[in-house]
C-alpha atoms as a PDB file:
ATOM      1  CA  UNK A   1     -27.977   7.393 -11.254  1.00  0.00           C
ATOM      2  CA  UNK A   2     -27.167   4.526  -8.875  1.00  0.00           C
ATOM      3  CA  UNK A   3     -24.346   4.777  -6.361  1.00  0.00           C
ATOM      4  CA  UNK A   4     -21.528   2.409  -7.299  1.00  0.00           C
ATOM      5  CA  UNK A   5     -20.207   0.285  -4.417  1.00  0.00           C
ATOM      6  CA  UNK A   6     -17.459  -2.312  -4.199  1.00  0.00           C
ATOM      7  CA  UNK A   7     -17.864  -5.060  -1.599  1.00  0.00           C
ATOM      8  CA  UNK A   8     -15.015  -6.983  -0.015  1.00  0.00           C
ATOM      9  CA  UNK A   9     -14.590 -10.681  -0.912  1.00  0.00           C
ATOM     10  CA  UNK A  10     -16.534 -13.223   1.115  1.00  0.00           C
ATOM     11  CA  UNK A  11     -13.463 -14.241   3.138  1.00  0.00           C
ATOM     12  CA  UNK A  12     -13.084 -10.709   4.536  1.00  0.00           C
ATOM     13  CA  UNK A  13     -16.479 -10.919   6.252  1.00  0.00           C
ATOM     14  CA  UNK A  14     -15.422 -13.687   8.619  1.00  0.00           C
ATOM     15  CA  UNK A  15     -11.666 -14.317   8.287  1.00  0.00           C
ATOM     16  CA  UNK A  16     -10.252 -17.286  10.163  1.00  0.00           C
ATOM     17  CA  UNK A  17      -6.730 -15.810  10.199  1.00  0.00           C
ATOM     18  CA  UNK A  18      -5.309 -12.289  10.389  1.00  0.00           C
ATOM     19  CA  UNK A  19      -5.511 -10.633   6.972  1.00  0.00           C
ATOM     20  CA  UNK A  20      -2.025 -11.046   5.493  1.00  0.00           C
ATOM     21  CA  UNK A  21      -0.318  -8.068   3.886  1.00  0.00           C
ATOM     22  CA  UNK A  22       2.959  -7.941   1.948  1.00  0.00           C
ATOM     23  CA  UNK A  23       4.359  -4.422   2.309  1.00  0.00           C
ATOM     24  CA  UNK A  24       7.013  -3.774  -0.330  1.00  0.00           C
ATOM     25  CA  UNK A  25       9.234  -0.838   0.557  1.00  0.00           C
ATOM     26  CA  UNK A  26       9.524   0.950   3.924  1.00  0.00           C
ATOM     27  CA  UNK A  27      11.010   4.255   2.835  1.00  0.00           C
ATOM     28  CA  UNK A  28       9.231   7.605   2.708  1.00  0.00           C
ATOM     29  CA  UNK A  29       5.817   6.069   2.050  1.00  0.00           C
ATOM     30  CA  UNK A  30       6.212   2.525   3.366  1.00  0.00           C
ATOM     31  CA  UNK A  31       7.542   3.464   6.812  1.00  0.00           C
ATOM     32  CA  UNK A  32       4.519   5.707   7.355  1.00  0.00           C
ATOM     33  CA  UNK A  33       2.166   3.044   5.994  1.00  0.00           C
ATOM     34  CA  UNK A  34       3.602   0.446   8.367  1.00  0.00           C
ATOM     35  CA  UNK A  35       2.780   2.631  11.372  1.00  0.00           C
ATOM     36  CA  UNK A  36      -0.798   3.105  10.163  1.00  0.00           C
ATOM     37  CA  UNK A  37      -1.210  -0.610   9.544  1.00  0.00           C
ATOM     38  CA  UNK A  38      -0.282  -1.170  13.196  1.00  0.00           C
ATOM     39  CA  UNK A  39      -3.012   1.255  14.225  1.00  0.00           C
ATOM     40  CA  UNK A  40      -5.478  -0.526  11.921  1.00  0.00           C
ATOM     41  CA  UNK A  41      -4.572  -3.880  13.425  1.00  0.00           C
ATOM     42  CA  UNK A  42      -5.172  -2.588  16.950  1.00  0.00           C
ATOM     43  CA  UNK A  43      -8.518  -1.023  16.009  1.00  0.00           C
ATOM     44  CA  UNK A  44      -9.748  -4.150  14.215  1.00  0.00           C
ATOM     45  CA  UNK A  45      -8.851  -6.400  17.142  1.00  0.00           C
ATOM     46  CA  UNK A  46     -11.011  -4.261  19.435  1.00  0.00           C
ATOM     47  CA  UNK A  47     -14.100  -5.401  17.512  1.00  0.00           C
ATOM     48  CA  UNK A  48     -13.219  -9.092  17.500  1.00  0.00           C
ATOM     49  CA  UNK A  49     -11.486  -9.128  14.122  1.00  0.00           C
ATOM     50  CA  UNK A  50      -8.341 -11.336  13.940  1.00  0.00           C
ATOM     51  CA  UNK A  51      -6.378  -8.284  12.773  1.00  0.00           C
ATOM     52  CA  UNK A  52      -3.480  -8.088  10.344  1.00  0.00           C
ATOM     53  CA  UNK A  53      -0.170  -9.840   9.831  1.00  0.00           C
ATOM     54  CA  UNK A  54       2.472  -7.909   7.892  1.00  0.00           C
ATOM     55  CA  UNK A  55       5.557  -9.161   6.095  1.00  0.00           C
ATOM     56  CA  UNK A  56       7.612  -6.168   4.947  1.00  0.00           C
ATOM     57  CA  UNK A  57      10.432  -6.172   2.386  1.00  0.00           C
ATOM     58  CA  UNK A  58      13.250  -3.658   1.840  1.00  0.00           C
ATOM     59  CA  UNK A  59      17.002  -4.097   1.334  1.00  0.00           C
ATOM     60  CA  UNK A  60      17.961  -0.470   2.079  1.00  0.00           C
ATOM     61  CA  UNK A  61      19.666   0.836   5.190  1.00  0.00           C
ATOM     62  CA  UNK A  62      18.780   4.061   6.986  1.00  0.00           C
ATOM     63  CA  UNK A  63      20.900   6.994   5.789  1.00  0.00           C
ATOM     64  CA  UNK A  64      21.239  10.534   7.126  1.00  0.00           C
ATOM     65  CA  UNK A  65      19.084  11.965   4.354  1.00  0.00           C
ATOM     66  CA  UNK A  66      16.220   9.647   5.400  1.00  0.00           C
ATOM     67  CA  UNK A  67      15.899  11.166   8.878  1.00  0.00           C
ATOM     68  CA  UNK A  68      12.893  13.475   9.170  1.00  0.00           C
ATOM     69  CA  UNK A  69      11.768  12.715   5.629  1.00  0.00           C
ATOM     70  CA  UNK A  70      10.979   9.107   6.525  1.00  0.00           C
ATOM     71  CA  UNK A  71       9.944   7.589   9.854  1.00  0.00           C
ATOM     72  CA  UNK A  72      13.506   7.197  11.130  1.00  0.00           C
ATOM     73  CA  UNK A  73      15.650   8.979  13.713  1.00  0.00           C
ATOM     74  CA  UNK A  74      19.374   9.747  13.810  1.00  0.00           C
ATOM     75  CA  UNK A  75      19.905   6.783  16.114  1.00  0.00           C
ATOM     76  CA  UNK A  76      18.534   4.491  13.365  1.00  0.00           C
ATOM     77  CA  UNK A  77      21.213   5.384  10.790  1.00  0.00           C
ATOM     78  CA  UNK A  78      23.107   2.333   9.599  1.00  0.00           C
ATOM     79  CA  UNK A  79      20.356  -0.171  10.407  1.00  0.00           C
ATOM     80  CA  UNK A  80      18.223  -2.020   7.881  1.00  0.00           C
ATOM     81  CA  UNK A  81      15.081   0.069   7.381  1.00  0.00           C
ATOM     82  CA  UNK A  82      12.697  -2.858   7.426  1.00  0.00           C
ATOM     83  CA  UNK A  83      14.176  -4.474  10.543  1.00  0.00           C
ATOM     84  CA  UNK A  84      14.212  -1.167  12.401  1.00  0.00           C
ATOM     85  CA  UNK A  85      10.677  -0.144  11.394  1.00  0.00           C
ATOM     86  CA  UNK A  86       9.071  -3.533  12.058  1.00  0.00           C
ATOM     87  CA  UNK A  87      10.800  -3.867  15.428  1.00  0.00           C
ATOM     88  CA  UNK A  88       9.383  -0.493  16.459  1.00  0.00           C
ATOM     89  CA  UNK A  89       5.758  -1.428  15.762  1.00  0.00           C
ATOM     90  CA  UNK A  90       6.228  -4.903  17.221  1.00  0.00           C
ATOM     91  CA  UNK A  91       7.452  -3.439  20.504  1.00  0.00           C
ATOM     92  CA  UNK A  92       4.841  -0.672  20.564  1.00  0.00           C
ATOM     93  CA  UNK A  93       1.841  -2.907  19.821  1.00  0.00           C
ATOM     94  CA  UNK A  94       2.990  -6.342  20.996  1.00  0.00           C
ATOM     95  CA  UNK A  95       3.031  -7.800  17.479  1.00  0.00           C
ATOM     96  CA  UNK A  96       5.071 -10.454  15.701  1.00  0.00           C
ATOM     97  CA  UNK A  97       5.217  -8.925  12.248  1.00  0.00           C
ATOM     98  CA  UNK A  98       8.117  -9.836   9.979  1.00  0.00           C
ATOM     99  CA  UNK A  99      10.733  -7.625   8.360  1.00  0.00           C
ATOM    100  CA  UNK A 100      12.775  -9.120   5.524  1.00  0.00           C
ATOM    101  CA  UNK A 101      15.950  -7.108   4.678  1.00  0.00           C
ATOM    102  CA  UNK A 102      15.751  -8.088   1.023  1.00  0.00           C
ATOM    103  CA  UNK A 103      13.982  -6.747  -2.043  1.00  0.00           C
ATOM    104  CA  UNK A 104      10.789  -8.571  -2.969  1.00  0.00           C
ATOM    105  CA  UNK A 105      10.810 -10.320  -6.338  1.00  0.00           C
ATOM    106  CA  UNK A 106       8.312  -9.045  -8.918  1.00  0.00           C
ATOM    107  CA  UNK A 107       7.347 -12.575  -9.932  1.00  0.00           C
ATOM    108  CA  UNK A 108       5.196 -12.727  -6.805  1.00  0.00           C
ATOM    109  CA  UNK A 109       6.531 -16.065  -5.549  1.00  0.00           C
ATOM    110  CA  UNK A 110       7.685 -14.672  -2.197  1.00  0.00           C
ATOM    111  CA  UNK A 111       4.875 -12.178  -1.609  1.00  0.00           C
ATOM    112  CA  UNK A 112       1.778 -14.348  -1.433  1.00  0.00           C
ATOM    113  CA  UNK A 113      -0.614 -12.429   0.779  1.00  0.00           C
ATOM    114  CA  UNK A 114      -4.224 -11.270   0.847  1.00  0.00           C
ATOM    115  CA  UNK A 115      -3.179  -7.697   0.094  1.00  0.00           C
ATOM    116  CA  UNK A 116      -0.029  -6.503  -1.699  1.00  0.00           C
ATOM    117  CA  UNK A 117       1.029  -2.921  -0.927  1.00  0.00           C
ATOM    118  CA  UNK A 118       3.757  -1.385  -3.077  1.00  0.00           C
ATOM    119  CA  UNK A 119       5.514   1.721  -1.785  1.00  0.00           C
ATOM    120  CA  UNK A 120       8.414   1.855  -4.228  1.00  0.00           C
ATOM    121  CA  UNK A 121       9.660   4.479  -6.673  1.00  0.00           C
ATOM    122  CA  UNK A 122      10.705   1.832  -9.208  1.00  0.00           C
ATOM    123  CA  UNK A 123       8.141   1.865 -12.001  1.00  0.00           C
ATOM    124  CA  UNK A 124       9.789  -1.099 -13.707  1.00  0.00           C
ATOM    125  CA  UNK A 125       9.220  -3.260 -10.633  1.00  0.00           C
ATOM    126  CA  UNK A 126       5.538  -2.330 -10.528  1.00  0.00           C
ATOM    127  CA  UNK A 127       5.139  -3.131 -14.233  1.00  0.00           C
ATOM    128  CA  UNK A 128       6.730  -6.559 -13.801  1.00  0.00           C
ATOM    129  CA  UNK A 129       4.678  -7.200 -10.667  1.00  0.00           C
ATOM    130  CA  UNK A 130       1.465  -6.421 -12.531  1.00  0.00           C
ATOM    131  CA  UNK A 131       2.257  -9.179 -15.024  1.00  0.00           C
ATOM    132  CA  UNK A 132       2.637 -11.791 -12.288  1.00  0.00           C
ATOM    133  CA  UNK A 133      -0.473 -10.527 -10.494  1.00  0.00           C
ATOM    134  CA  UNK A 134      -2.462 -11.043 -13.675  1.00  0.00           C
ATOM    135  CA  UNK A 135      -2.543 -14.663 -12.468  1.00  0.00           C
ATOM    136  CA  UNK A 136      -2.856 -14.192  -8.680  1.00  0.00           C
ATOM    137  CA  UNK A 137      -2.176 -17.113  -6.373  1.00  0.00           C
ATOM    138  CA  UNK A 138      -5.233 -18.888  -5.019  1.00  0.00           C
ATOM    139  CA  UNK A 139      -4.608 -21.387  -2.271  1.00  0.00           C
ATOM    140  CA  UNK A 140      -4.813 -21.381   1.502  1.00  0.00           C
ATOM    141  CA  UNK A 141      -6.883 -18.501   2.842  1.00  0.00           C
ATOM    142  CA  UNK A 142      -3.976 -16.546   4.291  1.00  0.00           C
ATOM    143  CA  UNK A 143      -2.009 -16.732   1.005  1.00  0.00           C
ATOM    144  CA  UNK A 144      -4.767 -16.078  -1.534  1.00  0.00           C
ATOM    145  CA  UNK A 145      -4.336 -12.718  -3.233  1.00  0.00           C
ATOM    146  CA  UNK A 146      -7.313 -10.353  -3.214  1.00  0.00           C
ATOM    147  CA  UNK A 147      -5.998  -6.788  -3.683  1.00  0.00           C
ATOM    148  CA  UNK A 148      -3.038  -4.756  -4.873  1.00  0.00           C
ATOM    149  CA  UNK A 149      -2.651  -1.288  -3.338  1.00  0.00           C
ATOM    150  CA  UNK A 150      -0.026   0.895  -5.015  1.00  0.00           C
ATOM    151  CA  UNK A 151       1.114   4.286  -3.724  1.00  0.00           C
ATOM    152  CA  UNK A 152       3.377   6.501  -5.817  1.00  0.00           C
ATOM    153  CA  UNK A 153       4.382  10.146  -5.936  1.00  0.00           C
ATOM    154  CA  UNK A 154       6.429  12.824  -7.622  1.00  0.00           C
ATOM    155  CA  UNK A 155       7.503  16.135  -6.061  1.00  0.00           C
ATOM    156  CA  UNK A 156       4.178  17.700  -5.019  1.00  0.00           C
ATOM    157  CA  UNK A 157       1.693  15.155  -6.296  1.00  0.00           C
ATOM    158  CA  UNK A 158       0.945  11.488  -6.268  1.00  0.00           C
ATOM    159  CA  UNK A 159      -1.735   8.840  -6.294  1.00  0.00           C
ATOM    160  CA  UNK A 160      -2.895   5.644  -4.687  1.00  0.00           C
ATOM    161  CA  UNK A 161      -4.850   2.928  -6.464  1.00  0.00           C
ATOM    162  CA  UNK A 162      -6.463  -0.166  -4.933  1.00  0.00           C
ATOM    163  CA  UNK A 163      -7.010  -2.869  -7.571  1.00  0.00           C
ATOM    164  CA  UNK A 164      -8.725  -6.254  -7.285  1.00  0.00           C
ATOM    165  CA  UNK A 165      -7.049  -9.634  -7.784  1.00  0.00           C
ATOM    166  CA  UNK A 166     -10.061 -11.882  -7.198  1.00  0.00           C
ATOM    167  CA  UNK A 167     -13.230 -13.001  -8.942  1.00  0.00           C
ATOM    168  CA  UNK A 168     -16.270 -14.301  -7.118  1.00  0.00           C
ATOM    169  CA  UNK A 169     -19.750 -15.248  -8.228  1.00  0.00           C
ATOM    170  CA  UNK A 170     -21.981 -12.819  -6.394  1.00  0.00           C
ATOM    171  CA  UNK A 171     -25.549 -12.235  -7.474  1.00  0.00           C
ATOM    172  CA  UNK A 172     -26.799  -9.100  -5.804  1.00  0.00           C
ATOM    173  CA  UNK A 173     -29.258  -6.909  -7.639  1.00  0.00           C
ATOM    174  CA  UNK A 174     -30.467  -3.843  -5.825  1.00  0.00           C
ATOM    175  CA  UNK A 175     -32.451  -0.856  -6.931  1.00  0.00           C
ATOM    176  CA  UNK A 176     -30.546   1.579  -4.715  1.00  0.00           C
ATOM    177  CA  UNK A 177     -26.948   0.857  -5.785  1.00  0.00           C
ATOM    178  CA  UNK A 178     -24.791  -0.776  -8.455  1.00  0.00           C
ATOM    179  CA  UNK A 179     -22.373  -3.484  -7.328  1.00  0.00           C
ATOM    180  CA  UNK A 180     -18.838  -3.204  -8.758  1.00  0.00           C
ATOM    181  CA  UNK A 181     -16.599  -6.267  -8.483  1.00  0.00           C
ATOM    182  CA  UNK A 182     -13.503  -5.411 -10.532  1.00  0.00           C
ATOM    183  CA  UNK A 183     -11.305  -2.455  -9.623  1.00  0.00           C
ATOM    184  CA  UNK A 184      -8.562  -1.212 -11.965  1.00  0.00           C
ATOM    185  CA  UNK A 185      -4.953  -1.254 -10.743  1.00  0.00           C
ATOM    186  CA  UNK A 186      -2.173   1.292 -11.248  1.00  0.00           C
ATOM    187  CA  UNK A 187      -1.038  -0.229 -14.569  1.00  0.00           C
ATOM    188  CA  UNK A 188      -4.578  -0.087 -15.929  1.00  0.00           C
ATOM    189  CA  UNK A 189      -4.450   3.665 -15.355  1.00  0.00           C
ATOM    190  CA  UNK A 190      -0.805   4.122 -16.443  1.00  0.00           C
ATOM    191  CA  UNK A 191       0.204   1.488 -19.035  1.00  0.00           C
ATOM    192  CA  UNK A 192       3.395   3.493 -19.712  1.00  0.00           C
ATOM    193  CA  UNK A 193       4.450   3.657 -16.064  1.00  0.00           C
ATOM    194  CA  UNK A 194       8.031   2.726 -17.042  1.00  0.00           C
ATOM    195  CA  UNK A 195       8.388   6.206 -18.538  1.00  0.00           C
ATOM    196  CA  UNK A 196       8.389   7.597 -14.995  1.00  0.00           C
ATOM    197  CA  UNK A 197      11.736   5.942 -14.170  1.00  0.00           C
ATOM    198  CA  UNK A 198      13.778   9.034 -15.039  1.00  0.00           C
ATOM    199  CA  UNK A 199      15.776  11.412 -12.788  1.00  0.00           C
ATOM    200  CA  UNK A 200      13.548  14.372 -13.657  1.00  0.00           C
ATOM    201  CA  UNK A 201      10.611  12.620 -11.987  1.00  0.00           C
ATOM    202  CA  UNK A 202      12.319  10.401  -9.406  1.00  0.00           C
ATOM    203  CA  UNK A 203      15.184  12.675  -8.393  1.00  0.00           C
ATOM    204  CA  UNK A 204      18.901  11.979  -8.410  1.00  0.00           C
ATOM    205  CA  UNK A 205      20.377  14.141  -5.655  1.00  0.00           C
ATOM    206  CA  UNK A 206      21.991  12.725  -2.521  1.00  0.00           C
ATOM    207  CA  UNK A 207      22.227  15.743  -0.203  1.00  0.00           C
ATOM    208  CA  UNK A 208      19.359  16.554   2.187  1.00  0.00           C
ATOM    209  CA  UNK A 209      18.715  19.851   0.404  1.00  0.00           C
ATOM    210  CA  UNK A 210      18.515  18.004  -2.907  1.00  0.00           C
ATOM    211  CA  UNK A 211      15.897  15.642  -1.528  1.00  0.00           C
ATOM    212  CA  UNK A 212      13.754  18.500  -0.233  1.00  0.00           C
ATOM    213  CA  UNK A 213      13.907  20.181  -3.633  1.00  0.00           C
ATOM    214  CA  UNK A 214      12.980  16.927  -5.358  1.00  0.00           C
ATOM    215  CA  UNK A 215      10.094  15.977  -3.079  1.00  0.00           C
ATOM    216  CA  UNK A 216       7.725  17.798  -0.753  1.00  0.00           C
ATOM    217  CA  UNK A 217       8.365  16.967   2.895  1.00  0.00           C
ATOM    218  CA  UNK A 218       4.745  15.888   3.435  1.00  0.00           C
ATOM    219  CA  UNK A 219       3.528  14.394   0.148  1.00  0.00           C
ATOM    220  CA  UNK A 220       4.064  10.881   1.533  1.00  0.00           C
ATOM    221  CA  UNK A 221       2.092  11.667   4.697  1.00  0.00           C
ATOM    222  CA  UNK A 222      -0.899  12.952   2.747  1.00  0.00           C
ATOM    223  CA  UNK A 223      -0.972  10.016   0.338  1.00  0.00           C
ATOM    224  CA  UNK A 224      -0.627   7.461   3.125  1.00  0.00           C
ATOM    225  CA  UNK A 225      -3.454   9.121   5.082  1.00  0.00           C
ATOM    226  CA  UNK A 226      -5.832   8.769   2.129  1.00  0.00           C
ATOM    227  CA  UNK A 227      -4.675   5.270   1.169  1.00  0.00           C
ATOM    228  CA  UNK A 228      -4.854   3.873   4.697  1.00  0.00           C
ATOM    229  CA  UNK A 229      -8.319   5.349   5.198  1.00  0.00           C
ATOM    230  CA  UNK A 230      -9.504   3.607   2.035  1.00  0.00           C
ATOM    231  CA  UNK A 231      -8.027   0.311   3.177  1.00  0.00           C
ATOM    232  CA  UNK A 232      -9.502   0.614   6.665  1.00  0.00           C
ATOM    233  CA  UNK A 233     -12.958   1.317   5.246  1.00  0.00           C
ATOM    234  CA  UNK A 234     -12.671  -1.868   3.190  1.00  0.00           C
ATOM    235  CA  UNK A 235     -11.598  -3.937   6.200  1.00  0.00           C
ATOM    236  CA  UNK A 236     -14.002  -2.384   8.703  1.00  0.00           C
ATOM    237  CA  UNK A 237     -17.103  -1.595   6.644  1.00  0.00           C
ATOM    238  CA  UNK A 238     -16.457  -4.290   3.984  1.00  0.00           C
ATOM    239  CA  UNK A 239     -17.335  -1.820   1.237  1.00  0.00           C
ATOM    240  CA  UNK A 240     -15.908   1.252  -0.464  1.00  0.00           C
ATOM    241  CA  UNK A 241     -17.164   3.831  -2.949  1.00  0.00           C
ATOM    242  CA  UNK A 242     -13.707   5.044  -4.017  1.00  0.00           C
ATOM    243  CA  UNK A 243     -10.574   2.982  -4.603  1.00  0.00           C
ATOM    244  CA  UNK A 244      -7.969   5.633  -5.188  1.00  0.00           C
ATOM    245  CA  UNK A 245      -7.198   9.303  -5.509  1.00  0.00           C
ATOM    246  CA  UNK A 246      -4.910  11.793  -7.214  1.00  0.00           C
ATOM    247  CA  UNK A 247      -3.421  14.265  -4.732  1.00  0.00           C
ATOM    248  CA  UNK A 248      -1.749  17.583  -5.539  1.00  0.00           C
ATOM    249  CA  UNK A 249      -0.305  19.550  -2.624  1.00  0.00           C
ATOM    250  CA  UNK A 250       0.548  22.596  -4.727  1.00  0.00           C
ATOM    251  CA  UNK A 251      -3.046  23.111  -5.847  1.00  0.00           C
ATOM    252  CA  UNK A 252      -4.547  21.609  -2.704  1.00  0.00           C
ATOM    253  CA  UNK A 253      -6.807  19.327  -4.727  1.00  0.00           C
ATOM    254  CA  UNK A 254      -7.717  15.687  -4.151  1.00  0.00           C
ATOM    255  CA  UNK A 255      -9.515  13.952  -7.020  1.00  0.00           C
ATOM    256  CA  UNK A 256     -11.028  10.641  -5.937  1.00  0.00           C
ATOM    257  CA  UNK A 257     -11.204   7.580  -8.182  1.00  0.00           C
ATOM    258  CA  UNK A 258     -14.717   6.188  -7.824  1.00  0.00           C
ATOM    259  CA  UNK A 259     -15.273   2.446  -8.108  1.00  0.00           C
END
């Protein structure tokens, strides 16, 4: 049986601009993802790659129950999450990334980027976004949409899925592997994702103890580690053999989604 491999779009092999990424949500998952994207950018620039440019969206402010569970400190309470988080990586890495203290719109008009990353617990938003991404924007190189990476979780489990938003004519027949162009997105795997927008799955408590009971302290860290590794392999090696995974901390299992 041939190994199945997905190759990055042609533009990713020799980009003329930093790869643009719209990061939607900088809470428990998004704040951790932002820090890893900064590390990716630094690593890519060391090999002559133009790096990444991030525009992050989130209207929430840092609250006491975010400290320790998300990448915020007590001194950050009361500030806009996205402004605080983006300023930190900009100062640390000498970047000029953008933080927009507003919620992104699911129609996709304000999030034109090469890669869309959703780190939100709102299933309805992701369902609406999938409808707009069914007709991804194709224009200038830094605005053309190529991928949608979604990361979501419950209490002790979660998943990440990297789906494609592009189509290219690529004739490559090899005896040693099978080339896979289209990758399913999160809605392809969960057409009824809206059913997850209930307190039993998303949590409804406000106290710190409630939040810890509703969600493992490190589920976000584990998911982001796997998702960012997948994304870095795509950007660095220009090919991947898996485009997602289901993670369960309670059982200790990670089930990869092969391309």
